[in-house]
Amino acid sequence: MPIYVYNNLSAKDHYFTPDNQPTIGGGAYVREGIAFYAYPSSAAGRIPVFVYNNLSVKDHYWSTVNAPTIGGGGYLREGISFYVPN
């Protein structure tokens, strides 16, 4: 499935999602196009990619690390965004 990248110029933040909309986040994030392709579900040979959010600096981070928080607790896990080959 395609993973789209959105840009929030005022927050200087990018967001990656399979959602294909002109804008997300109440219009704050504008779609720039397809960034890459990933899988929508788990299967043999795939690992989840988690999205983390730091509300204080308005920043997102993606990682295969599955922890409640990362970055000294500043980034909170929001869930699985997509799956990639292991």
Protein backbone atom coordinates (compact mmCIF):
# COMPACT_ATOMS: atom_id res chain seq x y z
CA MET A 1 0.00 0.00 0.00
CA PRO A 2 1.25 3.54 -0.59
CA ILE A 3 2.40 5.60 2.39
CA TYR A 4 1.77 9.30 1.87
CA VAL A 5 3.84 12.08 3.38
CA TYR A 6 2.19 15.22 4.72
CA ASN A 7 3.95 18.43 5.69
CA ASN A 8 3.00 20.94 8.37
CA LEU A 9 5.05 23.98 7.44
CA SER A 10 4.29 25.97 10.58
CA ALA A 11 5.28 23.10 12.92
CA LYS A 12 8.12 21.93 10.63
CA ASP A 13 6.76 18.39 10.96
CA HIS A 14 6.19 15.59 8.47
CA TYR A 15 3.65 12.82 8.94
CA PHE A 16 3.52 9.45 7.15
CA THR A 17 0.23 7.58 6.77
CA PRO A 18 -1.70 5.36 4.36
CA ASP A 19 -4.53 7.93 4.50
CA ASN A 20 -4.91 9.59 1.09
CA GLN A 21 -6.52 12.98 1.70
CA PRO A 22 -5.56 16.44 0.40
CA THR A 23 -5.00 17.53 4.02
CA ILE A 24 -5.12 16.00 7.50
CA GLY A 25 -5.01 17.39 11.02
CA GLY A 26 -7.70 19.96 10.39
CA GLY A 27 -5.87 21.20 7.31
CA ALA A 28 -2.55 21.75 9.10
CA TYR A 29 -0.82 18.92 7.19
CA VAL A 30 -0.78 19.09 3.39
CA ARG A 31 -0.19 15.96 1.31
CA GLU A 32 3.08 16.01 -0.65
CA GLY A 33 2.71 12.63 -2.34
CA ILE A 34 3.67 8.97 -1.99
CA ALA A 35 6.81 8.53 0.12
CA PHE A 36 7.13 4.74 -0.14
CA TYR A 37 5.17 1.49 -0.02
CA ALA A 38 4.52 -0.67 3.05
CA TYR A 39 2.18 -3.42 4.25
CA PRO A 40 -1.15 -2.81 6.04
CA SER A 41 -1.01 -5.93 8.24
CA SER A 42 1.35 -8.30 9.96
CA ALA A 43 2.58 -11.49 8.33
CA ALA A 44 5.66 -13.67 8.38
CA GLY A 45 8.74 -11.60 7.59
CA ARG A 46 7.14 -8.25 8.48
CA ILE A 47 7.68 -6.01 11.50
CA PRO A 48 5.52 -3.16 12.78
CA VAL A 49 6.56 0.47 12.56
CA PHE A 50 5.27 2.52 15.48
CA VAL A 51 4.52 6.23 15.42
CA TYR A 52 5.45 8.39 18.41
CA ASN A 53 4.33 11.96 19.07
CA ASN A 54 5.99 14.70 21.09
CA LEU A 55 3.23 17.19 21.79
CA SER A 56 5.50 19.80 23.37
CA VAL A 57 7.59 20.26 20.21
CA LYS A 58 4.92 19.15 17.69
CA ASP A 59 7.05 16.36 16.23
CA HIS A 60 6.41 12.78 15.10
CA TYR A 61 8.91 9.92 15.04
CA TRP A 62 8.66 6.43 13.53
CA SER A 63 10.52 3.43 14.91
CA THR A 64 10.43 -0.34 15.08
CA VAL A 65 11.02 0.02 18.84
CA ASN A 66 7.89 -0.97 20.77
CA ALA A 67 7.97 1.04 24.00
CA PRO A 68 5.37 3.26 25.71
CA THR A 69 7.75 6.23 25.33
CA ILE A 70 11.08 7.01 23.69
CA GLY A 71 13.41 9.99 23.70
CA GLY A 72 13.62 10.20 27.48
CA GLY A 73 9.83 10.02 27.74
CA GLY A 74 9.18 12.97 25.45
CA TYR A 75 7.68 10.91 22.65
CA LEU A 76 4.53 8.91 23.40
CA ARG A 77 3.63 5.86 21.32
CA GLU A 78 0.42 6.34 19.33
CA GLY A 79 0.31 2.89 17.74
CA ILE A 80 1.30 0.91 14.67
CA SER A 81 1.41 2.91 11.45
CA PHE A 82 2.28 0.12 9.01
CA TYR A 83 4.48 -2.95 8.53
CA VAL A 84 7.79 -3.29 6.69
CA PRO A 85 9.93 -6.29 5.66
CA ASN A 86 12.08 -7.65 8.45
